[in-house]
Amino acid sequence: MRILLPILVLALSLGADVRAADSAETLPDNAPVQLGDGVVLPRAVYAELAAREDGWAIIERMQERAANSHTFEGVPHLVAIFVSVLLFFWSAMFYYNRKHARLHRTIQLMVEKGQPVPVEILRAAEQLDAGSESAKPVAPHWASNLMWGGVLWITVGITACIYLWSRGSDAWPWGLAAIVYGVAAAGTAYRKRDSH
């Protein structure tokens, strides 16, 4: 009995191999070639690629892209990049508000101690409170909407380039359009500062 079971298993496995070899020989010439990671190529395309000098490298790249497209889901990466952009803008706004609060706290402490408040500090507080109501622009060139819009477009372009490149897409250079637009907007804001 101990000898009969291994012989039976061996006979069945050899029979399956012979049937598989027979079925492989009867495949038509136009049957598609199944590569790894779900890549299926028509036999003519596979033969053409195999005949090329760099054909195997192309086939390996195709399999690599297929494997990466199934394993990489870019949502966590995209969220991380988006959150970092938001943190950048939030930190700039936080700094601006802290500066404003420090100025008012300085004025309050000077008044409480009975010291005279210098005119420069009062003008700075007036300009901060007036915002866009003053006749001449009080914001520096880096605080203009055009400058922040340019910075936003630059970060969106960098985010798009990184996201598309990490997904293996050949469309990542399209992110350069946003970067170029952002640089142009920031450059315009910088030149406007020089003209005032």
N, C-alpha and C. Protein backbone atom coordinates (compact mmCIF):
# COMPACT_ATOMS: atom_id res chain seq x y z
N MET A 1 0.81 -1.18 0.00
CA MET A 1 0.00 0.00 0.00
C MET A 1 0.86 1.25 0.00
N ARG A 2 1.97 1.21 0.78
CA ARG A 2 2.85 2.37 0.82
C ARG A 2 3.49 2.62 -0.54
N ILE A 3 3.77 1.63 -1.27
CA ILE A 3 4.41 1.79 -2.58
C ILE A 3 3.37 2.17 -3.63
N LEU A 4 2.18 1.68 -3.49
CA LEU A 4 1.14 1.91 -4.49
C LEU A 4 0.71 3.39 -4.55
N LEU A 5 0.61 4.05 -3.41
CA LEU A 5 0.18 5.45 -3.39
C LEU A 5 1.18 6.38 -4.09
N PRO A 6 2.48 6.32 -3.81
CA PRO A 6 3.41 7.18 -4.56
C PRO A 6 3.45 6.88 -6.05
N ILE A 7 3.30 5.59 -6.41
CA ILE A 7 3.31 5.25 -7.84
C ILE A 7 2.07 5.84 -8.51
N LEU A 8 0.92 5.77 -7.84
CA LEU A 8 -0.30 6.32 -8.38
C LEU A 8 -0.20 7.84 -8.54
N VAL A 9 0.32 8.53 -7.55
CA VAL A 9 0.49 9.99 -7.63
C VAL A 9 1.46 10.35 -8.75
N LEU A 10 2.55 9.63 -8.88
CA LEU A 10 3.54 9.88 -9.93
C LEU A 10 2.93 9.66 -11.31
N ALA A 11 2.14 8.61 -11.47
CA ALA A 11 1.52 8.31 -12.77
C ALA A 11 0.52 9.40 -13.15
N LEU A 12 -0.27 9.86 -12.18
CA LEU A 12 -1.25 10.91 -12.48
C LEU A 12 -0.57 12.23 -12.83
N SER A 13 0.51 12.57 -12.13
CA SER A 13 1.19 13.83 -12.43
C SER A 13 1.89 13.78 -13.77
N LEU A 14 2.47 12.65 -14.13
CA LEU A 14 3.10 12.52 -15.45
C LEU A 14 2.06 12.56 -16.55
N GLY A 15 0.90 11.98 -16.31
CA GLY A 15 -0.17 12.00 -17.30
C GLY A 15 -0.67 13.41 -17.53
N ALA A 16 -0.76 14.20 -16.46
CA ALA A 16 -1.20 15.60 -16.60
C ALA A 16 -0.17 16.40 -17.37
N ASP A 17 1.13 16.15 -17.13
CA ASP A 17 2.18 16.86 -17.86
C ASP A 17 2.15 16.52 -19.34
N VAL A 18 1.89 15.26 -19.67
CA VAL A 18 1.83 14.85 -21.08
C VAL A 18 0.65 15.51 -21.76
N ARG A 19 -0.52 15.55 -21.09
CA ARG A 19 -1.69 16.20 -21.68
C ARG A 19 -1.45 17.70 -21.86
N ALA A 20 -0.78 18.34 -20.89
CA ALA A 20 -0.49 19.77 -21.01
C ALA A 20 0.47 20.04 -22.16
N ALA A 21 1.45 19.16 -22.35
CA ALA A 21 2.39 19.33 -23.46
C ALA A 21 1.68 19.14 -24.78
N ASP A 22 0.75 18.18 -24.86
CA ASP A 22 0.00 17.98 -26.09
C ASP A 22 -0.88 19.18 -26.40
N SER A 23 -1.53 19.76 -25.36
CA SER A 23 -2.40 20.90 -25.60
C SER A 23 -1.59 22.14 -25.96
N ALA A 24 -0.37 22.26 -25.45
CA ALA A 24 0.47 23.41 -25.78
C ALA A 24 0.92 23.36 -27.22
N GLU A 25 1.09 22.18 -27.76
CA GLU A 25 1.53 22.06 -29.15
C GLU A 25 0.40 22.36 -30.12
N THR A 26 -0.84 22.24 -29.69
CA THR A 26 -1.95 22.46 -30.60
C THR A 26 -2.46 23.89 -30.59
N LEU A 27 -1.79 24.80 -29.87
CA LEU A 27 -2.23 26.20 -29.86
C LEU A 27 -2.06 26.80 -31.25
N PRO A 28 -3.02 27.62 -31.67
CA PRO A 28 -2.88 28.27 -32.98
C PRO A 28 -1.75 29.31 -32.95
N ASP A 29 -1.29 29.68 -34.14
CA ASP A 29 -0.18 30.64 -34.25
C ASP A 29 -0.58 32.05 -33.82
N ASN A 30 -1.85 32.36 -33.84
CA ASN A 30 -2.28 33.71 -33.47
C ASN A 30 -2.78 33.80 -32.03
N ALA A 31 -2.53 32.79 -31.20
CA ALA A 31 -2.96 32.82 -29.80
C ALA A 31 -2.12 33.86 -29.05
N PRO A 32 -2.77 34.66 -28.18
CA PRO A 32 -2.00 35.68 -27.44
C PRO A 32 -1.04 35.04 -26.45
N VAL A 33 0.04 35.77 -26.16
CA VAL A 33 1.06 35.30 -25.22
C VAL A 33 0.76 35.93 -23.86
N GLN A 34 0.63 35.09 -22.87
CA GLN A 34 0.33 35.54 -21.51
C GLN A 34 1.65 35.73 -20.77
N LEU A 35 1.96 36.99 -20.42
CA LEU A 35 3.16 37.29 -19.65
C LEU A 35 2.76 37.45 -18.19
N GLY A 36 3.70 37.76 -17.35
CA GLY A 36 3.41 37.95 -15.93
C GLY A 36 2.64 39.22 -15.66
N ASP A 37 2.01 39.29 -14.50
CA ASP A 37 1.28 40.46 -14.00
C ASP A 37 0.13 40.87 -14.89
N GLY A 38 -0.49 39.92 -15.57
CA GLY A 38 -1.68 40.20 -16.36
C GLY A 38 -1.41 40.85 -17.70
N VAL A 39 -0.17 40.85 -18.17
CA VAL A 39 0.15 41.43 -19.47
C VAL A 39 -0.09 40.37 -20.54
N VAL A 40 -0.95 40.70 -21.51
CA VAL A 40 -1.26 39.79 -22.61
C VAL A 40 -0.90 40.51 -23.90
N LEU A 41 -0.07 39.86 -24.71
CA LEU A 41 0.35 40.44 -25.99
C LEU A 41 -0.08 39.52 -27.12
N PRO A 42 -0.50 40.11 -28.24
CA PRO A 42 -0.72 39.27 -29.42
C PRO A 42 0.60 38.61 -29.81
N ARG A 43 0.50 37.40 -30.36
CA ARG A 43 1.71 36.64 -30.68
C ARG A 43 2.61 37.39 -31.67
N ALA A 44 2.01 38.11 -32.61
CA ALA A 44 2.82 38.84 -33.59
C ALA A 44 3.62 39.96 -32.92
N VAL A 45 2.98 40.66 -31.97
CA VAL A 45 3.66 41.74 -31.24
C VAL A 45 4.77 41.15 -30.38
N TYR A 46 4.47 40.02 -29.72
CA TYR A 46 5.48 39.37 -28.88
C TYR A 46 6.68 38.93 -29.71
N ALA A 47 6.43 38.35 -30.89
CA ALA A 47 7.52 37.90 -31.76
C ALA A 47 8.35 39.09 -32.24
N GLU A 48 7.67 40.19 -32.56
CA GLU A 48 8.38 41.39 -33.01
C GLU A 48 9.25 41.97 -31.90
N LEU A 49 8.70 42.01 -30.68
CA LEU A 49 9.48 42.52 -29.55
C LEU A 49 10.66 41.60 -29.23
N ALA A 50 10.43 40.29 -29.29
CA ALA A 50 11.50 39.34 -28.97
C ALA A 50 12.62 39.43 -29.99
N ALA A 51 12.30 39.82 -31.22
CA ALA A 51 13.33 39.92 -32.27
C ALA A 51 14.15 41.19 -32.13
N ARG A 52 13.62 42.19 -31.47
CA ARG A 52 14.35 43.46 -31.31
C ARG A 52 15.48 43.29 -30.31
N GLU A 53 16.45 44.17 -30.45
CA GLU A 53 17.59 44.13 -29.55
C GLU A 53 17.20 44.51 -28.12
N ASP A 54 16.32 45.51 -28.00
CA ASP A 54 15.87 45.94 -26.67
C ASP A 54 14.49 45.40 -26.33
N GLY A 55 14.06 44.36 -27.01
CA GLY A 55 12.72 43.81 -26.83
C GLY A 55 12.46 43.27 -25.44
N TRP A 56 13.43 42.55 -24.88
CA TRP A 56 13.22 41.98 -23.55
C TRP A 56 13.16 43.07 -22.50
N ALA A 57 13.89 44.14 -22.70
CA ALA A 57 13.82 45.26 -21.75
C ALA A 57 12.44 45.92 -21.82
N ILE A 58 11.88 46.02 -23.02
CA ILE A 58 10.54 46.60 -23.18
C ILE A 58 9.49 45.71 -22.50
N ILE A 59 9.63 44.41 -22.69
CA ILE A 59 8.68 43.48 -22.07
C ILE A 59 8.78 43.55 -20.55
N GLU A 60 10.00 43.62 -20.03
CA GLU A 60 10.17 43.73 -18.58
C GLU A 60 9.57 45.03 -18.05
N ARG A 61 9.75 46.15 -18.81
CA ARG A 61 9.15 47.42 -18.39
C ARG A 61 7.63 47.34 -18.38
N MET A 62 7.06 46.66 -19.38
CA MET A 62 5.60 46.50 -19.44
C MET A 62 5.11 45.70 -18.23
N GLN A 63 5.83 44.65 -17.88
CA GLN A 63 5.43 43.85 -16.72
C GLN A 63 5.60 44.65 -15.43
N GLU A 64 6.65 45.44 -15.35
CA GLU A 64 6.89 46.26 -14.16
C GLU A 64 5.78 47.29 -13.99
N ARG A 65 5.39 47.94 -15.09
CA ARG A 65 4.31 48.93 -15.02
C ARG A 65 3.00 48.28 -14.62
N ALA A 66 2.75 47.09 -15.16
CA ALA A 66 1.51 46.38 -14.80
C ALA A 66 1.52 46.03 -13.32
N ALA A 67 2.66 45.60 -12.81
CA ALA A 67 2.76 45.26 -11.39
C ALA A 67 2.58 46.51 -10.53
N ASN A 68 3.20 47.63 -10.94
CA ASN A 68 3.10 48.86 -10.16
C ASN A 68 1.70 49.46 -10.21
N SER A 69 1.02 49.32 -11.33
CA SER A 69 -0.32 49.89 -11.42
C SER A 69 -1.30 49.14 -10.54
N HIS A 70 -1.02 47.86 -10.28
CA HIS A 70 -1.92 47.10 -9.41
C HIS A 70 -1.59 47.31 -7.94
N THR A 71 -0.34 47.57 -7.62
CA THR A 71 0.04 47.65 -6.21
C THR A 71 -0.01 49.08 -5.67
N PHE A 72 0.17 50.08 -6.51
CA PHE A 72 0.23 51.46 -6.01
C PHE A 72 -1.12 52.14 -6.14
N GLU A 73 -1.62 52.56 -5.03
CA GLU A 73 -2.81 53.40 -5.02
C GLU A 73 -2.34 54.75 -4.49
N GLY A 74 -2.40 55.77 -5.30
CA GLY A 74 -1.78 57.04 -4.97
C GLY A 74 -2.53 57.94 -4.02
N VAL A 75 -3.67 57.51 -3.53
CA VAL A 75 -4.47 58.39 -2.68
C VAL A 75 -3.71 58.80 -1.41
N PRO A 76 -3.06 57.88 -0.67
CA PRO A 76 -2.34 58.35 0.52
C PRO A 76 -1.22 59.33 0.19
N HIS A 77 -0.52 59.09 -0.91
CA HIS A 77 0.56 60.01 -1.30
C HIS A 77 -0.01 61.36 -1.68
N LEU A 78 -1.09 61.35 -2.44
CA LEU A 78 -1.71 62.61 -2.87
C LEU A 78 -2.24 63.39 -1.66
N VAL A 79 -2.82 62.69 -0.72
CA VAL A 79 -3.32 63.36 0.49
C VAL A 79 -2.16 63.97 1.27
N ALA A 80 -1.05 63.23 1.39
CA ALA A 80 0.11 63.75 2.12
C ALA A 80 0.66 65.00 1.44
N ILE A 81 0.74 65.00 0.14
CA ILE A 81 1.26 66.17 -0.58
C ILE A 81 0.29 67.35 -0.43
N PHE A 82 -1.01 67.07 -0.55
CA PHE A 82 -2.01 68.12 -0.42
C PHE A 82 -1.98 68.72 0.98
N VAL A 83 -1.86 67.88 2.00
CA VAL A 83 -1.81 68.37 3.38
C VAL A 83 -0.55 69.21 3.60
N SER A 84 0.56 68.82 2.99
CA SER A 84 1.78 69.61 3.16
C SER A 84 1.63 70.99 2.51
N VAL A 85 0.95 71.07 1.38
CA VAL A 85 0.69 72.37 0.75
C VAL A 85 -0.21 73.22 1.65
N LEU A 86 -1.25 72.60 2.20
CA LEU A 86 -2.13 73.34 3.11
C LEU A 86 -1.38 73.81 4.36
N LEU A 87 -0.50 72.97 4.89
CA LEU A 87 0.29 73.37 6.06
C LEU A 87 1.20 74.55 5.74
N PHE A 88 1.72 74.58 4.52
CA PHE A 88 2.57 75.70 4.10
C PHE A 88 1.78 77.00 4.16
N PHE A 89 0.58 77.01 3.56
CA PHE A 89 -0.22 78.23 3.56
C PHE A 89 -0.73 78.56 4.96
N TRP A 90 -1.10 77.55 5.73
CA TRP A 90 -1.57 77.79 7.09
C TRP A 90 -0.46 78.41 7.93
N SER A 91 0.78 77.92 7.77
CA SER A 91 1.89 78.48 8.55
C SER A 91 2.15 79.93 8.18
N ALA A 92 2.00 80.28 6.90
CA ALA A 92 2.18 81.68 6.50
C ALA A 92 1.09 82.57 7.12
N MET A 93 -0.14 82.09 7.09
CA MET A 93 -1.22 82.87 7.70
C MET A 93 -1.05 82.95 9.22
N PHE A 94 -0.62 81.87 9.83
CA PHE A 94 -0.40 81.86 11.27
C PHE A 94 0.69 82.86 11.66
N TYR A 95 1.78 82.90 10.87
CA TYR A 95 2.86 83.84 11.14
C TYR A 95 2.36 85.27 11.01
N TYR A 96 1.59 85.55 9.99
CA TYR A 96 1.07 86.91 9.77
C TYR A 96 0.16 87.32 10.93
N ASN A 97 -0.71 86.41 11.37
CA ASN A 97 -1.61 86.74 12.49
C ASN A 97 -0.85 86.89 13.80
N ARG A 98 0.18 86.09 14.01
CA ARG A 98 0.99 86.22 15.23
C ARG A 98 1.72 87.56 15.24
N LYS A 99 2.21 87.96 14.09
CA LYS A 99 2.90 89.25 13.99
C LYS A 99 1.93 90.39 14.33
N HIS A 100 0.73 90.30 13.81
CA HIS A 100 -0.31 91.30 14.07
C HIS A 100 -0.65 91.33 15.56
N ALA A 101 -0.79 90.15 16.16
CA ALA A 101 -1.14 90.08 17.59
C ALA A 101 0.00 90.61 18.45
N ARG A 102 1.25 90.33 18.07
CA ARG A 102 2.39 90.83 18.85
C ARG A 102 2.46 92.35 18.80
N LEU A 103 2.17 92.92 17.64
CA LEU A 103 2.19 94.38 17.53
C LEU A 103 1.13 95.00 18.44
N HIS A 104 -0.06 94.46 18.44
CA HIS A 104 -1.11 95.00 19.29
C HIS A 104 -0.80 94.76 20.77
N ARG A 105 -0.19 93.63 21.09
CA ARG A 105 0.20 93.36 22.48
C ARG A 105 1.28 94.35 22.94
N THR A 106 2.21 94.67 22.04
CA THR A 106 3.25 95.64 22.38
C THR A 106 2.62 97.00 22.68
N ILE A 107 1.68 97.43 21.85
CA ILE A 107 1.01 98.71 22.06
C ILE A 107 0.24 98.69 23.39
N GLN A 108 -0.44 97.59 23.66
CA GLN A 108 -1.21 97.47 24.90
C GLN A 108 -0.31 97.56 26.13
N LEU A 109 0.85 96.88 26.08
CA LEU A 109 1.78 96.93 27.22
C LEU A 109 2.36 98.32 27.41
N MET A 110 2.64 99.02 26.31
CA MET A 110 3.18 100.38 26.42
C MET A 110 2.15 101.31 27.04
N VAL A 111 0.90 101.17 26.64
CA VAL A 111 -0.16 102.02 27.20
C VAL A 111 -0.37 101.70 28.68
N GLU A 112 -0.35 100.43 29.04
CA GLU A 112 -0.55 100.03 30.44
C GLU A 112 0.56 100.56 31.35
N LYS A 113 1.79 100.62 30.81
CA LYS A 113 2.92 101.10 31.61
C LYS A 113 3.05 102.61 31.56
N GLY A 114 2.24 103.26 30.75
CA GLY A 114 2.26 104.71 30.69
C GLY A 114 3.36 105.26 29.81
N GLN A 115 3.95 104.45 28.97
CA GLN A 115 5.00 104.93 28.06
C GLN A 115 4.37 105.49 26.80
N PRO A 116 5.04 106.48 26.20
CA PRO A 116 4.50 107.00 24.94
C PRO A 116 4.68 105.97 23.82
N VAL A 117 3.67 105.85 22.98
CA VAL A 117 3.72 104.91 21.86
C VAL A 117 4.33 105.62 20.67
N PRO A 118 5.44 105.08 20.10
CA PRO A 118 6.06 105.74 18.94
C PRO A 118 5.10 105.78 17.75
N VAL A 119 5.25 106.82 16.96
CA VAL A 119 4.38 107.03 15.80
C VAL A 119 4.53 105.89 14.79
N GLU A 120 5.73 105.34 14.65
CA GLU A 120 5.96 104.26 13.68
C GLU A 120 5.13 103.02 14.02
N ILE A 121 5.03 102.74 15.32
CA ILE A 121 4.25 101.56 15.72
C ILE A 121 2.76 101.80 15.45
N LEU A 122 2.30 103.03 15.72
CA LEU A 122 0.89 103.34 15.45
C LEU A 122 0.58 103.27 13.95
N ARG A 123 1.49 103.77 13.14
CA ARG A 123 1.28 103.70 11.68
C ARG A 123 1.25 102.24 11.20
N ALA A 124 2.16 101.44 11.75
CA ALA A 124 2.18 100.02 11.36
C ALA A 124 0.88 99.34 11.75
N ALA A 125 0.35 99.66 12.94
CA ALA A 125 -0.91 99.06 13.38
C ALA A 125 -2.07 99.54 12.51
N GLU A 126 -2.06 100.82 12.15
CA GLU A 126 -3.11 101.37 11.27
C GLU A 126 -3.08 100.68 9.92
N GLN A 127 -1.89 100.51 9.38
CA GLN A 127 -1.78 99.87 8.07
C GLN A 127 -2.24 98.41 8.12
N LEU A 128 -1.92 97.72 9.20
CA LEU A 128 -2.37 96.34 9.33
C LEU A 128 -3.89 96.26 9.46
N ASP A 129 -4.47 97.18 10.22
CA ASP A 129 -5.92 97.17 10.41
C ASP A 129 -6.67 97.67 9.19
N ALA A 130 -6.09 98.61 8.46
CA ALA A 130 -6.76 99.18 7.30
C ALA A 130 -6.83 98.19 6.15
N GLY A 131 -5.81 97.37 6.02
CA GLY A 131 -5.80 96.38 4.94
C GLY A 131 -5.80 97.05 3.59
N SER A 132 -6.83 96.78 2.79
CA SER A 132 -6.87 97.31 1.42
C SER A 132 -7.54 98.68 1.36
N GLU A 133 -7.95 99.26 2.49
CA GLU A 133 -8.62 100.56 2.47
C GLU A 133 -7.65 101.72 2.32
N SER A 134 -6.37 101.50 2.57
CA SER A 134 -5.42 102.61 2.47
C SER A 134 -5.14 102.95 1.02
N ALA A 135 -4.68 104.16 0.81
CA ALA A 135 -4.46 104.64 -0.55
C ALA A 135 -3.26 103.96 -1.19
N LYS A 136 -2.19 103.79 -0.46
CA LYS A 136 -1.02 103.15 -1.06
C LYS A 136 -0.92 101.71 -0.55
N PRO A 137 -0.35 100.82 -1.35
CA PRO A 137 -0.28 99.42 -0.92
C PRO A 137 0.64 99.27 0.29
N VAL A 138 0.12 98.59 1.32
CA VAL A 138 0.88 98.41 2.54
C VAL A 138 1.52 97.03 2.61
N ALA A 139 1.02 96.11 1.83
CA ALA A 139 1.54 94.75 1.88
C ALA A 139 2.82 94.65 1.06
N PRO A 140 3.79 93.91 1.54
CA PRO A 140 4.99 93.70 0.73
C PRO A 140 4.67 92.86 -0.49
N HIS A 141 5.63 92.81 -1.42
CA HIS A 141 5.38 92.11 -2.68
C HIS A 141 5.06 90.64 -2.47
N TRP A 142 5.60 90.02 -1.42
CA TRP A 142 5.36 88.60 -1.22
C TRP A 142 3.98 88.31 -0.66
N ALA A 143 3.26 89.35 -0.19
CA ALA A 143 1.94 89.13 0.38
C ALA A 143 0.82 89.41 -0.62
N SER A 144 1.14 89.75 -1.85
CA SER A 144 0.09 90.05 -2.81
C SER A 144 -0.61 88.77 -3.27
N ASN A 145 -1.83 88.93 -3.75
CA ASN A 145 -2.58 87.78 -4.23
C ASN A 145 -1.89 87.13 -5.42
N LEU A 146 -1.28 87.93 -6.25
CA LEU A 146 -0.58 87.39 -7.41
C LEU A 146 0.60 86.53 -6.99
N MET A 147 1.32 86.96 -5.96
CA MET A 147 2.45 86.18 -5.48
C MET A 147 1.98 84.86 -4.88
N TRP A 148 0.94 84.91 -4.01
CA TRP A 148 0.45 83.68 -3.40
C TRP A 148 -0.19 82.77 -4.43
N GLY A 149 -0.85 83.35 -5.42
CA GLY A 149 -1.39 82.53 -6.51
C GLY A 149 -0.29 81.82 -7.27
N GLY A 150 0.82 82.54 -7.51
CA GLY A 150 1.96 81.91 -8.18
C GLY A 150 2.56 80.78 -7.36
N VAL A 151 2.69 81.02 -6.06
CA VAL A 151 3.21 79.96 -5.18
C VAL A 151 2.27 78.76 -5.17
N LEU A 152 0.97 79.02 -5.16
CA LEU A 152 0.00 77.94 -5.19
C LEU A 152 0.13 77.12 -6.47
N TRP A 153 0.25 77.80 -7.63
CA TRP A 153 0.39 77.08 -8.89
C TRP A 153 1.69 76.29 -8.95
N ILE A 154 2.74 76.84 -8.39
CA ILE A 154 4.02 76.11 -8.36
C ILE A 154 3.86 74.83 -7.54
N THR A 155 3.24 74.93 -6.38
CA THR A 155 3.07 73.74 -5.54
C THR A 155 2.12 72.73 -6.18
N VAL A 156 1.07 73.21 -6.85
CA VAL A 156 0.17 72.30 -7.55
C VAL A 156 0.93 71.59 -8.68
N GLY A 157 1.76 72.32 -9.40
CA GLY A 157 2.54 71.70 -10.47
C GLY A 157 3.53 70.67 -9.96
N ILE A 158 4.21 70.99 -8.86
CA ILE A 158 5.15 70.03 -8.28
C ILE A 158 4.40 68.81 -7.78
N THR A 159 3.24 69.02 -7.16
CA THR A 159 2.42 67.91 -6.68
C THR A 159 1.98 67.03 -7.84
N ALA A 160 1.52 67.64 -8.92
CA ALA A 160 1.08 66.86 -10.08
C ALA A 160 2.24 66.08 -10.69
N CYS A 161 3.40 66.70 -10.81
CA CYS A 161 4.56 66.00 -11.37
C CYS A 161 4.94 64.80 -10.51
N ILE A 162 5.02 65.01 -9.20
CA ILE A 162 5.41 63.91 -8.30
C ILE A 162 4.36 62.80 -8.34
N TYR A 163 3.09 63.18 -8.31
CA TYR A 163 2.02 62.18 -8.29
C TYR A 163 2.02 61.35 -9.58
N LEU A 164 2.07 62.02 -10.72
CA LEU A 164 2.02 61.29 -11.99
C LEU A 164 3.28 60.46 -12.21
N TRP A 165 4.43 61.01 -11.82
CA TRP A 165 5.68 60.26 -11.97
C TRP A 165 5.70 59.02 -11.08
N SER A 166 5.20 59.16 -9.85
CA SER A 166 5.21 58.01 -8.94
C SER A 166 4.21 56.94 -9.37
N ARG A 167 3.20 57.30 -10.13
CA ARG A 167 2.27 56.30 -10.66
C ARG A 167 2.78 55.67 -11.93
N GLY A 168 3.93 56.12 -12.42
CA GLY A 168 4.50 55.54 -13.64
C GLY A 168 3.88 56.08 -14.90
N SER A 169 3.21 57.21 -14.79
CA SER A 169 2.55 57.80 -15.95
C SER A 169 3.55 58.64 -16.75
N ASP A 170 3.38 58.60 -18.05
CA ASP A 170 4.23 59.43 -18.91
C ASP A 170 3.69 60.84 -19.05
N ALA A 171 2.61 61.16 -18.36
CA ALA A 171 1.99 62.48 -18.44
C ALA A 171 2.53 63.45 -17.40
N TRP A 172 3.54 63.07 -16.63
CA TRP A 172 4.02 63.94 -15.56
C TRP A 172 4.55 65.28 -16.05
N PRO A 173 5.09 65.41 -17.28
CA PRO A 173 5.54 66.75 -17.70
C PRO A 173 4.42 67.78 -17.81
N TRP A 174 3.16 67.34 -17.82
CA TRP A 174 2.06 68.31 -17.86
C TRP A 174 2.02 69.15 -16.60
N GLY A 175 2.56 68.65 -15.52
CA GLY A 175 2.64 69.44 -14.30
C GLY A 175 3.56 70.64 -14.44
N LEU A 176 4.46 70.57 -15.42
CA LEU A 176 5.38 71.69 -15.65
C LEU A 176 4.63 72.94 -16.12
N ALA A 177 3.47 72.76 -16.76
CA ALA A 177 2.68 73.91 -17.20
C ALA A 177 2.24 74.75 -16.00
N ALA A 178 1.80 74.09 -14.94
CA ALA A 178 1.39 74.82 -13.73
C ALA A 178 2.60 75.49 -13.08
N ILE A 179 3.74 74.83 -13.12
CA ILE A 179 4.95 75.42 -12.53
C ILE A 179 5.35 76.68 -13.31
N VAL A 180 5.32 76.59 -14.63
CA VAL A 180 5.68 77.75 -15.46
C VAL A 180 4.70 78.90 -15.21
N TYR A 181 3.40 78.59 -15.13
CA TYR A 181 2.40 79.63 -14.86
C TYR A 181 2.65 80.26 -13.49
N GLY A 182 2.96 79.44 -12.49
CA GLY A 182 3.23 79.95 -11.15
C GLY A 182 4.46 80.84 -11.11
N VAL A 183 5.51 80.43 -11.80
CA VAL A 183 6.73 81.24 -11.85
C VAL A 183 6.44 82.58 -12.53
N ALA A 184 5.63 82.55 -13.60
CA ALA A 184 5.28 83.79 -14.29
C ALA A 184 4.48 84.72 -13.38
N ALA A 185 3.53 84.17 -12.63
CA ALA A 185 2.72 84.99 -11.73
C ALA A 185 3.57 85.58 -10.61
N ALA A 186 4.43 84.75 -10.03
CA ALA A 186 5.30 85.24 -8.95
C ALA A 186 6.28 86.28 -9.49
N GLY A 187 6.79 86.07 -10.69
CA GLY A 187 7.69 87.05 -11.31
C GLY A 187 6.99 88.37 -11.59
N THR A 188 5.73 88.30 -12.02
CA THR A 188 4.95 89.52 -12.26
C THR A 188 4.74 90.28 -10.96
N ALA A 189 4.43 89.57 -9.89
CA ALA A 189 4.24 90.23 -8.59
C ALA A 189 5.54 90.87 -8.13
N TYR A 190 6.64 90.21 -8.37
CA TYR A 190 7.94 90.76 -7.97
C TYR A 190 8.28 92.01 -8.78
N ARG A 191 7.99 91.97 -10.09
CA ARG A 191 8.25 93.14 -10.93
C ARG A 191 7.32 94.30 -10.58
N LYS A 192 6.08 94.00 -10.17
CA LYS A 192 5.16 95.08 -9.75
C LYS A 192 5.69 95.78 -8.52
N ARG A 193 6.34 95.02 -7.65
CA ARG A 193 6.91 95.63 -6.44
C ARG A 193 7.98 96.63 -6.83
N ASP A 194 8.80 96.29 -7.84
CA ASP A 194 9.86 97.20 -8.26
C ASP A 194 9.30 98.45 -8.93
N SER A 195 8.12 98.34 -9.57
CA SER A 195 7.57 99.50 -10.27
C SER A 195 6.93 100.48 -9.29
N HIS A 196 6.53 100.03 -8.10
CA HIS A 196 5.93 100.95 -7.11
C HIS A 196 7.03 101.62 -6.42
